[in-house]
């Protein structure tokens, strides 16, 4: 997948990945990326640089989302 294949990005919960029920706290939101592939549009949920901070699950999704927004304009 190249950045030109990305059709949408979303930082936060949705109807598929809802949060607490998926063992994700409000501060550890998924990064949802939709992209074009040979098989049609696909969706992937990411937790970039997943780690523990102060004993809680964390990721760099907010920072990556901001960088992608800037790159994609």
PDB file of N, CA and C in Angstrom:
ATOM      1  N   UNK A   1       0.851  -1.166   0.000  1.00  0.00           N
ATOM      2  CA  UNK A   1       0.000   0.000   0.000  1.00  0.00           C
ATOM      3  C   UNK A   1       0.902   1.237   0.000  1.00  0.00           C
ATOM      4  N   UNK A   2       0.621   2.140  -0.904  1.00  0.00           N
ATOM      5  CA  UNK A   2       1.317   3.422  -0.958  1.00  0.00           C
ATOM      6  C   UNK A   2       0.397   4.506  -0.409  1.00  0.00           C
ATOM      7  N   UNK A   3       0.960   5.622   0.009  1.00  0.00           N
ATOM      8  CA  UNK A   3       0.117   6.683   0.561  1.00  0.00           C
ATOM      9  C   UNK A   3      -0.922   7.154  -0.450  1.00  0.00           C
ATOM     10  N   UNK A   4      -0.630   7.039  -1.742  1.00  0.00           N
ATOM     11  CA  UNK A   4      -1.600   7.421  -2.771  1.00  0.00           C
ATOM     12  C   UNK A   4      -2.814   6.516  -2.817  1.00  0.00           C
ATOM     13  N   UNK A   5      -2.715   5.331  -2.223  1.00  0.00           N
ATOM     14  CA  UNK A   5      -3.836   4.385  -2.192  1.00  0.00           C
ATOM     15  C   UNK A   5      -4.790   4.659  -1.034  1.00  0.00           C
ATOM     16  N   UNK A   6      -4.399   5.495  -0.092  1.00  0.00           N
ATOM     17  CA  UNK A   6      -5.222   5.784   1.086  1.00  0.00           C
ATOM     18  C   UNK A   6      -6.413   6.648   0.682  1.00  0.00           C
ATOM     19  N   UNK A   7      -7.608   6.190   1.050  1.00  0.00           N
ATOM     20  CA  UNK A   7      -8.829   6.934   0.727  1.00  0.00           C
ATOM     21  C   UNK A   7      -9.406   7.659   1.935  1.00  0.00           C
ATOM     22  N   UNK A   8      -9.073   7.208   3.155  1.00  0.00           N
ATOM     23  CA  UNK A   8      -9.612   7.845   4.353  1.00  0.00           C
ATOM     24  C   UNK A   8      -8.792   7.414   5.563  1.00  0.00           C
ATOM     25  N   UNK A   9      -8.635   8.319   6.521  1.00  0.00           N
ATOM     26  CA  UNK A   9      -8.025   7.975   7.805  1.00  0.00           C
ATOM     27  C   UNK A   9      -8.911   8.526   8.911  1.00  0.00           C
ATOM     28  N   UNK A  10      -8.968   7.776  10.001  1.00  0.00           N
ATOM     29  CA  UNK A  10      -9.801   8.185  11.128  1.00  0.00           C
ATOM     30  C   UNK A  10      -9.085   7.793  12.409  1.00  0.00           C
ATOM     31  N   UNK A  11      -8.981   8.735  13.334  1.00  0.00           N
ATOM     32  CA  UNK A  11      -8.374   8.472  14.635  1.00  0.00           C
ATOM     33  C   UNK A  11      -9.490   8.439  15.672  1.00  0.00           C
ATOM     34  N   UNK A  12      -9.777   7.262  16.187  1.00  0.00           N
ATOM     35  CA  UNK A  12     -10.827   7.135  17.193  1.00  0.00           C
ATOM     36  C   UNK A  12     -11.636   5.864  17.012  1.00  0.00           C
ATOM     37  N   UNK A  13     -12.593   5.699  17.887  1.00  0.00           N
ATOM     38  CA  UNK A  13     -13.430   4.505  17.878  1.00  0.00           C
ATOM     39  C   UNK A  13     -14.559   4.645  16.867  1.00  0.00           C
ATOM     40  N   UNK A  14     -15.117   3.516  16.478  1.00  0.00           N
ATOM     41  CA  UNK A  14     -16.236   3.494  15.546  1.00  0.00           C
ATOM     42  C   UNK A  14     -17.127   2.305  15.891  1.00  0.00           C
ATOM     43  N   UNK A  15     -18.012   1.931  14.995  1.00  0.00           N
ATOM     44  CA  UNK A  15     -18.940   0.835  15.280  1.00  0.00           C
ATOM     45  C   UNK A  15     -18.274  -0.540  15.255  1.00  0.00           C
ATOM     46  N   UNK A  16     -17.083  -0.654  14.689  1.00  0.00           N
ATOM     47  CA  UNK A  16     -16.367  -1.938  14.658  1.00  0.00           C
ATOM     48  C   UNK A  16     -15.430  -2.058  15.858  1.00  0.00           C
ATOM     49  N   UNK A  17     -14.651  -1.038  16.114  1.00  0.00           N
ATOM     50  CA  UNK A  17     -13.712  -1.018  17.223  1.00  0.00           C
ATOM     51  C   UNK A  17     -14.233   0.004  18.221  1.00  0.00           C
ATOM     52  N   UNK A  18     -14.924  -0.481  19.260  1.00  0.00           N
ATOM     53  CA  UNK A  18     -15.732   0.389  20.105  1.00  0.00           C
ATOM     54  C   UNK A  18     -15.063   0.919  21.363  1.00  0.00           C
ATOM     55  N   UNK A  19     -13.956   0.393  21.754  1.00  0.00           N
ATOM     56  CA  UNK A  19     -13.289   0.922  22.945  1.00  0.00           C
ATOM     57  C   UNK A  19     -13.198  -0.074  24.063  1.00  0.00           C
ATOM     58  N   UNK A  20     -13.834   0.217  25.182  1.00  0.00           N
ATOM     59  CA  UNK A  20     -13.690  -0.607  26.379  1.00  0.00           C
ATOM     60  C   UNK A  20     -13.966  -2.078  26.123  1.00  0.00           C
ATOM     61  N   UNK A  21     -14.962  -2.386  25.329  1.00  0.00           N
ATOM     62  CA  UNK A  21     -15.264  -3.783  25.030  1.00  0.00           C
ATOM     63  C   UNK A  21     -14.139  -4.469  24.278  1.00  0.00           C
ATOM     64  N   UNK A  22     -13.323  -3.677  23.596  1.00  0.00           N
ATOM     65  CA  UNK A  22     -12.176  -4.203  22.853  1.00  0.00           C
ATOM     66  C   UNK A  22     -10.879  -4.059  23.639  1.00  0.00           C
ATOM     67  N   UNK A  23     -11.011  -3.782  24.944  1.00  0.00           N
ATOM     68  CA  UNK A  23      -9.875  -3.642  25.859  1.00  0.00           C
ATOM     69  C   UNK A  23      -8.961  -2.492  25.466  1.00  0.00           C
ATOM     70  N   UNK A  24      -9.559  -1.417  24.995  1.00  0.00           N
ATOM     71  CA  UNK A  24      -8.789  -0.217  24.670  1.00  0.00           C
ATOM     72  C   UNK A  24      -9.357   0.945  25.469  1.00  0.00           C
ATOM     73  N   UNK A  25      -8.517   1.591  26.199  1.00  0.00           N
ATOM     74  CA  UNK A  25      -8.954   2.728  27.012  1.00  0.00           C
ATOM     75  C   UNK A  25      -9.133   3.964  26.123  1.00  0.00           C
ATOM     76  N   UNK A  26      -9.863   4.959  26.599  1.00  0.00           N
ATOM     77  CA  UNK A  26     -10.137   6.153  25.784  1.00  0.00           C
ATOM     78  C   UNK A  26      -8.891   6.870  25.271  1.00  0.00           C
ATOM     79  N   UNK A  27      -7.780   6.759  25.955  1.00  0.00           N
ATOM     80  CA  UNK A  27      -6.561   7.439  25.511  1.00  0.00           C
ATOM     81  C   UNK A  27      -5.770   6.621  24.507  1.00  0.00           C
ATOM     82  N   UNK A  28      -6.172   5.395  24.219  1.00  0.00           N
ATOM     83  CA  UNK A  28      -5.463   4.532  23.271  1.00  0.00           C
ATOM     84  C   UNK A  28      -6.383   4.215  22.099  1.00  0.00           C
ATOM     85  N   UNK A  29      -6.686   5.222  21.310  1.00  0.00           N
ATOM     86  CA  UNK A  29      -7.631   5.080  20.203  1.00  0.00           C
ATOM     87  C   UNK A  29      -6.958   4.465  18.981  1.00  0.00           C
ATOM     88  N   UNK A  30      -7.710   3.656  18.224  1.00  0.00           N
ATOM     89  CA  UNK A  30      -7.142   3.052  17.017  1.00  0.00           C
ATOM     90  C   UNK A  30      -7.012   4.074  15.892  1.00  0.00           C
ATOM     91  N   UNK A  31      -6.117   3.786  14.977  1.00  0.00           N
ATOM     92  CA  UNK A  31      -5.969   4.558  13.758  1.00  0.00           C
ATOM     93  C   UNK A  31      -6.533   3.691  12.634  1.00  0.00           C
ATOM     94  N   UNK A  32      -7.611   4.141  12.041  1.00  0.00           N
ATOM     95  CA  UNK A  32      -8.302   3.389  10.992  1.00  0.00           C
ATOM     96  C   UNK A  32      -7.891   3.970   9.643  1.00  0.00           C
ATOM     97  N   UNK A  33      -7.378   3.105   8.774  1.00  0.00           N
ATOM     98  CA  UNK A  33      -6.938   3.534   7.451  1.00  0.00           C
ATOM     99  C   UNK A  33      -7.710   2.733   6.411  1.00  0.00           C
ATOM    100  N   UNK A  34      -8.360   3.442   5.505  1.00  0.00           N
ATOM    101  CA  UNK A  34      -9.023   2.809   4.360  1.00  0.00           C
ATOM    102  C   UNK A  34      -8.165   3.063   3.138  1.00  0.00           C
ATOM    103  N   UNK A  35      -8.037   2.037   2.314  1.00  0.00           N
ATOM    104  CA  UNK A  35      -7.177   2.164   1.142  1.00  0.00           C
ATOM    105  C   UNK A  35      -7.695   1.302  -0.010  1.00  0.00           C
ATOM    106  N   UNK A  36      -7.260   1.668  -1.211  1.00  0.00           N
ATOM    107  CA  UNK A  36      -7.622   0.917  -2.410  1.00  0.00           C
ATOM    108  C   UNK A  36      -6.624  -0.210  -2.609  1.00  0.00           C
ATOM    109  N   UNK A  37      -7.153  -1.383  -2.991  1.00  0.00           N
ATOM    110  CA  UNK A  37      -6.300  -2.517  -3.335  1.00  0.00           C
ATOM    111  C   UNK A  37      -6.864  -3.164  -4.601  1.00  0.00           C
ATOM    112  N   UNK A  38      -6.182  -4.149  -5.097  1.00  0.00           N
ATOM    113  CA  UNK A  38      -6.655  -4.862  -6.292  1.00  0.00           C
ATOM    114  C   UNK A  38      -8.014  -5.512  -6.039  1.00  0.00           C
ATOM    115  N   UNK A  39      -8.269  -5.888  -4.794  1.00  0.00           N
ATOM    116  CA  UNK A  39      -9.525  -6.558  -4.432  1.00  0.00           C
ATOM    117  C   UNK A  39     -10.630  -5.577  -4.070  1.00  0.00           C
ATOM    118  N   UNK A  40     -10.361  -4.284  -4.106  1.00  0.00           N
ATOM    119  CA  UNK A  40     -11.346  -3.276  -3.718  1.00  0.00           C
ATOM    120  C   UNK A  40     -10.867  -2.520  -2.495  1.00  0.00           C
ATOM    121  N   UNK A  41     -11.761  -1.747  -1.906  1.00  0.00           N
ATOM    122  CA  UNK A  41     -11.375  -0.967  -0.735  1.00  0.00           C
ATOM    123  C   UNK A  41     -11.225  -1.874   0.490  1.00  0.00           C
ATOM    124  N   UNK A  42     -10.169  -1.642   1.244  1.00  0.00           N
ATOM    125  CA  UNK A  42      -9.874  -2.408   2.457  1.00  0.00           C
ATOM    126  C   UNK A  42      -9.753  -1.450   3.630  1.00  0.00           C
ATOM    127  N   UNK A  43      -9.882  -1.986   4.840  1.00  0.00           N
ATOM    128  CA  UNK A  43      -9.727  -1.210   6.068  1.00  0.00           C
ATOM    129  C   UNK A  43      -8.770  -1.934   6.994  1.00  0.00           C
ATOM    130  N   UNK A  44      -7.882  -1.167   7.603  1.00  0.00           N
ATOM    131  CA  UNK A  44      -6.967  -1.725   8.594  1.00  0.00           C
ATOM    132  C   UNK A  44      -6.983  -0.820   9.828  1.00  0.00           C
ATOM    133  N   UNK A  45      -6.947  -1.429  10.994  1.00  0.00           N
ATOM    134  CA  UNK A  45      -6.869  -0.700  12.262  1.00  0.00           C
ATOM    135  C   UNK A  45      -5.451  -0.868  12.796  1.00  0.00           C
ATOM    136  N   UNK A  46      -4.836   0.252  13.176  1.00  0.00           N
ATOM    137  CA  UNK A  46      -3.448   0.215  13.628  1.00  0.00           C
ATOM    138  C   UNK A  46      -3.300   0.726  15.055  1.00  0.00           C
ATOM    139  N   UNK A  47      -2.321   0.181  15.749  1.00  0.00           N
ATOM    140  CA  UNK A  47      -1.822   0.714  17.011  1.00  0.00           C
ATOM    141  C   UNK A  47      -0.323   0.828  16.806  1.00  0.00           C
ATOM    142  N   UNK A  48       0.117   2.006  16.365  1.00  0.00           N
ATOM    143  CA  UNK A  48       1.517   2.208  16.007  1.00  0.00           C
ATOM    144  C   UNK A  48       2.379   2.358  17.250  1.00  0.00           C
ATOM    145  N   UNK A  49       3.518   1.701  17.214  1.00  0.00           N
ATOM    146  CA  UNK A  49       4.453   1.720  18.337  1.00  0.00           C
ATOM    147  C   UNK A  49       3.738   1.409  19.654  1.00  0.00           C
ATOM    148  N   UNK A  50       2.997   0.311  19.665  1.00  0.00           N
ATOM    149  CA  UNK A  50       2.252  -0.115  20.856  1.00  0.00           C
ATOM    150  C   UNK A  50       3.228  -0.308  22.015  1.00  0.00           C
ATOM    151  N   UNK A  51       2.897   0.265  23.179  1.00  0.00           N
ATOM    152  CA  UNK A  51       3.752   0.169  24.353  1.00  0.00           C
ATOM    153  C   UNK A  51       2.912   0.391  25.612  1.00  0.00           C
ATOM    154  N   UNK A  52       3.535   0.262  26.738  1.00  0.00           N
ATOM    155  CA  UNK A  52       2.868   0.540  28.008  1.00  0.00           C
ATOM    156  C   UNK A  52       3.456   1.819  28.597  1.00  0.00           C
ATOM    157  N   UNK A  53       2.574   2.700  29.022  1.00  0.00           N
ATOM    158  CA  UNK A  53       2.985   3.962  29.626  1.00  0.00           C
ATOM    159  C   UNK A  53       2.270   4.078  30.966  1.00  0.00           C
ATOM    160  N   UNK A  54       3.031   4.209  32.021  1.00  0.00           N
ATOM    161  CA  UNK A  54       2.470   4.267  33.375  1.00  0.00           C
ATOM    162  C   UNK A  54       1.608   3.040  33.661  1.00  0.00           C
ATOM    163  N   UNK A  55       2.012   1.876  33.135  1.00  0.00           N
ATOM    164  CA  UNK A  55       1.300   0.635  33.367  1.00  0.00           C
ATOM    165  C   UNK A  55       0.044   0.454  32.522  1.00  0.00           C
ATOM    166  N   UNK A  56      -0.193   1.377  31.571  1.00  0.00           N
ATOM    167  CA  UNK A  56      -1.388   1.282  30.728  1.00  0.00           C
ATOM    168  C   UNK A  56      -0.986   1.149  29.265  1.00  0.00           C
ATOM    169  N   UNK A  57      -1.872   0.535  28.486  1.00  0.00           N
ATOM    170  CA  UNK A  57      -1.621   0.374  27.056  1.00  0.00           C
ATOM    171  C   UNK A  57      -1.639   1.729  26.367  1.00  0.00           C
ATOM    172  N   UNK A  58      -0.688   1.924  25.465  1.00  0.00           N
ATOM    173  CA  UNK A  58      -0.592   3.192  24.751  1.00  0.00           C
ATOM    174  C   UNK A  58      -0.055   2.944  23.343  1.00  0.00           C
ATOM    175  N   UNK A  59      -0.161   3.944  22.491  1.00  0.00           N
ATOM    176  CA  UNK A  59       0.389   3.879  21.138  1.00  0.00           C
ATOM    177  C   UNK A  59       0.700   5.293  20.667  1.00  0.00           C
ATOM    178  N   UNK A  60       1.321   5.383  19.518  1.00  0.00           N
ATOM    179  CA  UNK A  60       1.638   6.675  18.915  1.00  0.00           C
ATOM    180  C   UNK A  60       0.634   7.054  17.835  1.00  0.00           C
ATOM    181  N   UNK A  61      -0.573   6.539  17.908  1.00  0.00           N
ATOM    182  CA  UNK A  61      -1.565   6.766  16.860  1.00  0.00           C
ATOM    183  C   UNK A  61      -1.905   8.232  16.634  1.00  0.00           C
ATOM    184  N   UNK A  62      -2.000   9.023  17.688  1.00  0.00           N
ATOM    185  CA  UNK A  62      -2.348  10.431  17.512  1.00  0.00           C
ATOM    186  C   UNK A  62      -1.291  11.140  16.673  1.00  0.00           C
ATOM    187  N   UNK A  63      -0.023  10.899  16.990  1.00  0.00           N
ATOM    188  CA  UNK A  63       1.069  11.524  16.253  1.00  0.00           C
ATOM    189  C   UNK A  63       1.096  11.052  14.803  1.00  0.00           C
ATOM    190  N   UNK A  64       0.903   9.762  14.579  1.00  0.00           N
ATOM    191  CA  UNK A  64       0.904   9.221  13.217  1.00  0.00           C
ATOM    192  C   UNK A  64      -0.281   9.775  12.430  1.00  0.00           C
ATOM    193  N   UNK A  65      -1.440   9.876  13.064  1.00  0.00           N
ATOM    194  CA  UNK A  65      -2.615  10.452  12.400  1.00  0.00           C
ATOM    195  C   UNK A  65      -2.323  11.880  11.948  1.00  0.00           C
ATOM    196  N   UNK A  66      -1.722  12.676  12.830  1.00  0.00           N
ATOM    197  CA  UNK A  66      -1.402  14.062  12.484  1.00  0.00           C
ATOM    198  C   UNK A  66      -0.423  14.135  11.316  1.00  0.00           C
ATOM    199  N   UNK A  67       0.579  13.246  11.300  1.00  0.00           N
ATOM    200  CA  UNK A  67       1.550  13.229  10.195  1.00  0.00           C
ATOM    201  C   UNK A  67       0.879  12.812   8.886  1.00  0.00           C
ATOM    202  N   UNK A  68       0.008  11.803   8.944  1.00  0.00           N
ATOM    203  CA  UNK A  68      -0.710  11.379   7.735  1.00  0.00           C
ATOM    204  C   UNK A  68      -1.622  12.479   7.209  1.00  0.00           C
ATOM    205  N   UNK A  69      -2.312  13.167   8.107  1.00  0.00           N
ATOM    206  CA  UNK A  69      -3.182  14.285   7.690  1.00  0.00           C
ATOM    207  C   UNK A  69      -2.355  15.331   6.946  1.00  0.00           C
ATOM    208  N   UNK A  70      -1.188  15.643   7.469  1.00  0.00           N
ATOM    209  CA  UNK A  70      -0.313  16.627   6.831  1.00  0.00           C
ATOM    210  C   UNK A  70       0.160  16.122   5.458  1.00  0.00           C
ATOM    211  N   UNK A  71       0.574  14.867   5.394  1.00  0.00           N
ATOM    212  CA  UNK A  71       1.067  14.298   4.140  1.00  0.00           C
ATOM    213  C   UNK A  71      -0.006  14.238   3.071  1.00  0.00           C
ATOM    214  N   UNK A  72      -1.215  13.860   3.476  1.00  0.00           N
ATOM    215  CA  UNK A  72      -2.303  13.663   2.503  1.00  0.00           C
ATOM    216  C   UNK A  72      -3.022  14.956   2.163  1.00  0.00           C
ATOM    217  N   UNK A  73      -2.817  15.967   3.003  1.00  0.00           N
ATOM    218  CA  UNK A  73      -3.429  17.282   2.749  1.00  0.00           C
ATOM    219  C   UNK A  73      -4.889  17.232   2.859  1.00  0.00           C
TER     220      UNK A  73
END
